Amino acid sequence: MANPNNGAPVARIPHLSGLTVCKTNNGTVVVLIQWDYAAWTPAAERFTTALKAQKFATPVSGYAVILTGVVSPIASKALAAQGVNVTTKALPGPLQ
């Protein structure tokens, strides 16, 4: 959570059904995921749909997923179509 805070200060750290997310000062909901690879699956689609349906105390200006690894090309397109910004390789590691 410290790295995203350097670019857009984190205003809140809400918990959504056991998942910790960040809400930045500009209203973006940021989901931080420590995975090597993310694919677009029915569960991923349900997750993004549920995330976007979530009610927050302040208005949401956008959604972002920050991943330590990479996403499949299909997942990248699907998330973009849903208006979710994706950042990959967020932390230095063995994936180049």
C-alpha atoms as a PDB file:
ATOM      1  CA  MET A   1       0.000   0.000   0.000  1.00  0.00           C
ATOM      2  CA  ALA A   2       2.969   2.307   0.446  1.00  0.00           C
ATOM      3  CA  ASN A   3       3.841   2.346  -3.266  1.00  0.00           C
ATOM      4  CA  PRO A   4       0.405   3.495  -4.493  1.00  0.00           C
ATOM      5  CA  ASN A   5       0.383   6.125  -1.742  1.00  0.00           C
ATOM      6  CA  ASN A   6       3.442   7.732  -3.368  1.00  0.00           C
ATOM      7  CA  GLY A   7       1.466   8.502  -6.548  1.00  0.00           C
ATOM      8  CA  ALA A   8      -2.038   9.183  -5.251  1.00  0.00           C
ATOM      9  CA  PRO A   9      -2.356   9.598  -1.493  1.00  0.00           C
ATOM     10  CA  VAL A  10      -4.541   7.010   0.213  1.00  0.00           C
ATOM     11  CA  ALA A  11      -7.463   8.591   2.056  1.00  0.00           C
ATOM     12  CA  ARG A  12      -9.108   5.429   3.410  1.00  0.00           C
ATOM     13  CA  ILE A  13      -8.423   1.716   3.739  1.00  0.00           C
ATOM     14  CA  PRO A  14     -11.851   0.059   3.749  1.00  0.00           C
ATOM     15  CA  HIS A  15     -12.518  -3.659   4.170  1.00  0.00           C
ATOM     16  CA  LEU A  16     -14.979  -5.220   1.750  1.00  0.00           C
ATOM     17  CA  SER A  17     -16.094  -8.670   2.853  1.00  0.00           C
ATOM     18  CA  GLY A  18     -12.604  -9.457   4.115  1.00  0.00           C
ATOM     19  CA  LEU A  19     -10.733  -7.766   1.246  1.00  0.00           C
ATOM     20  CA  THR A  20      -8.666  -4.710   2.080  1.00  0.00           C
ATOM     21  CA  VAL A  21      -8.695  -2.015  -0.604  1.00  0.00           C
ATOM     22  CA  CYS A  22      -7.453   1.552  -0.775  1.00  0.00           C
ATOM     23  CA  LYS A  23      -9.455   4.627  -1.625  1.00  0.00           C
ATOM     24  CA  THR A  24      -7.309   7.509  -2.801  1.00  0.00           C
ATOM     25  CA  ASN A  25      -7.907  11.199  -2.229  1.00  0.00           C
ATOM     26  CA  ASN A  26      -9.152  11.520  -5.813  1.00  0.00           C
ATOM     27  CA  GLY A  27     -11.784   8.793  -5.252  1.00  0.00           C
ATOM     28  CA  THR A  28     -10.126   5.857  -7.004  1.00  0.00           C
ATOM     29  CA  VAL A  29     -10.690   2.446  -5.453  1.00  0.00           C
ATOM     30  CA  VAL A  30      -7.413   0.513  -5.641  1.00  0.00           C
ATOM     31  CA  VAL A  31      -7.209  -3.261  -5.258  1.00  0.00           C
ATOM     32  CA  LEU A  32      -3.715  -4.548  -4.518  1.00  0.00           C
ATOM     33  CA  ILE A  33      -3.092  -8.175  -5.485  1.00  0.00           C
ATOM     34  CA  GLN A  34       0.049 -10.214  -4.931  1.00  0.00           C
ATOM     35  CA  TRP A  35      -0.266 -12.708  -7.790  1.00  0.00           C
ATOM     36  CA  ASP A  36       2.153 -13.824 -10.471  1.00  0.00           C
ATOM     37  CA  TYR A  37      -0.555 -14.169 -13.135  1.00  0.00           C
ATOM     38  CA  ALA A  38      -4.199 -13.196 -13.364  1.00  0.00           C
ATOM     39  CA  ALA A  39      -6.567 -14.685 -15.937  1.00  0.00           C
ATOM     40  CA  TRP A  40     -10.106 -13.627 -16.824  1.00  0.00           C
ATOM     41  CA  THR A  41     -12.436 -16.197 -15.294  1.00  0.00           C
ATOM     42  CA  PRO A  42     -16.081 -16.185 -14.196  1.00  0.00           C
ATOM     43  CA  ALA A  43     -14.844 -15.536 -10.648  1.00  0.00           C
ATOM     44  CA  ALA A  44     -12.804 -12.543 -11.801  1.00  0.00           C
ATOM     45  CA  GLU A  45     -15.847 -11.133 -13.573  1.00  0.00           C
ATOM     46  CA  ARG A  46     -18.010 -11.638 -10.463  1.00  0.00           C
ATOM     47  CA  PHE A  47     -15.354  -9.923  -8.370  1.00  0.00           C
ATOM     48  CA  THR A  48     -15.161  -6.807 -10.545  1.00  0.00           C
ATOM     49  CA  THR A  49     -18.954  -6.628 -10.807  1.00  0.00           C
ATOM     50  CA  ALA A  50     -19.299  -6.889  -7.019  1.00  0.00           C
ATOM     51  CA  LEU A  51     -16.530  -4.338  -6.472  1.00  0.00           C
ATOM     52  CA  LYS A  52     -18.215  -1.811  -8.745  1.00  0.00           C
ATOM     53  CA  ALA A  53     -21.573  -2.414  -7.022  1.00  0.00           C
ATOM     54  CA  GLN A  54     -20.064  -1.721  -3.589  1.00  0.00           C
ATOM     55  CA  LYS A  55     -21.299   1.427  -1.867  1.00  0.00           C
ATOM     56  CA  PHE A  56     -18.634   3.698  -0.413  1.00  0.00           C
ATOM     57  CA  ALA A  57     -19.006   6.632   1.963  1.00  0.00           C
ATOM     58  CA  THR A  58     -17.651   9.025  -0.676  1.00  0.00           C
ATOM     59  CA  PRO A  59     -18.086   8.983  -4.472  1.00  0.00           C
ATOM     60  CA  VAL A  60     -15.878   6.689  -6.558  1.00  0.00           C
ATOM     61  CA  SER A  61     -14.034   8.315  -9.469  1.00  0.00           C
ATOM     62  CA  GLY A  62     -12.471   5.117 -10.847  1.00  0.00           C
ATOM     63  CA  TYR A  63     -11.144   1.642 -10.194  1.00  0.00           C
ATOM     64  CA  ALA A  64      -7.607   0.294 -10.370  1.00  0.00           C
ATOM     65  CA  VAL A  65      -5.975  -3.086  -9.880  1.00  0.00           C
ATOM     66  CA  ILE A  66      -2.304  -3.140  -8.975  1.00  0.00           C
ATOM     67  CA  LEU A  67      -0.744  -6.547  -9.490  1.00  0.00           C
ATOM     68  CA  THR A  68       2.733  -7.779  -8.580  1.00  0.00           C
ATOM     69  CA  GLY A  69       2.715 -10.031 -11.651  1.00  0.00           C
ATOM     70  CA  VAL A  70       0.971  -9.825 -15.008  1.00  0.00           C
ATOM     71  CA  VAL A  71      -2.521 -10.289 -16.467  1.00  0.00           C
ATOM     72  CA  SER A  72      -3.564 -12.342 -19.444  1.00  0.00           C
ATOM     73  CA  PRO A  73      -4.359 -10.430 -22.641  1.00  0.00           C
ATOM     74  CA  ILE A  74      -8.045 -11.389 -22.297  1.00  0.00           C
ATOM     75  CA  ALA A  75      -8.128 -10.180 -18.687  1.00  0.00           C
ATOM     76  CA  SER A  76      -6.462  -6.936 -19.680  1.00  0.00           C
ATOM     77  CA  LYS A  77      -9.093  -6.274 -22.359  1.00  0.00           C
ATOM     78  CA  ALA A  78     -11.994  -7.287 -20.105  1.00  0.00           C
ATOM     79  CA  LEU A  79     -10.832  -5.073 -17.250  1.00  0.00           C
ATOM     80  CA  ALA A  80     -10.303  -2.142 -19.609  1.00  0.00           C
ATOM     81  CA  ALA A  81     -13.812  -2.666 -20.995  1.00  0.00           C
ATOM     82  CA  GLN A  82     -15.133  -2.420 -17.419  1.00  0.00           C
ATOM     83  CA  GLY A  83     -13.200   0.789 -16.835  1.00  0.00           C
ATOM     84  CA  VAL A  84     -10.658  -0.788 -14.498  1.00  0.00           C
ATOM     85  CA  ASN A  85      -7.097   0.531 -14.836  1.00  0.00           C
ATOM     86  CA  VAL A  86      -4.463  -2.201 -14.445  1.00  0.00           C
ATOM     87  CA  THR A  87      -0.870  -1.810 -13.303  1.00  0.00           C
ATOM     88  CA  THR A  88       1.354  -4.888 -13.598  1.00  0.00           C
ATOM     89  CA  LYS A  89       4.768  -5.769 -12.165  1.00  0.00           C
ATOM     90  CA  ALA A  90       4.196  -3.320  -9.337  1.00  0.00           C
ATOM     91  CA  LEU A  91       6.994  -4.694  -7.193  1.00  0.00           C
ATOM     92  CA  PRO A  92      10.466  -5.725  -8.301  1.00  0.00           C
ATOM     93  CA  GLY A  93      10.766  -9.471  -8.403  1.00  0.00           C
ATOM     94  CA  PRO A  94      11.745 -12.448 -10.521  1.00  0.00           C
ATOM     95  CA  LEU A  95       9.244 -11.648 -13.323  1.00  0.00           C
ATOM     96  CA  GLN A  96      10.873  -9.476 -15.938  1.00  0.00           C
END
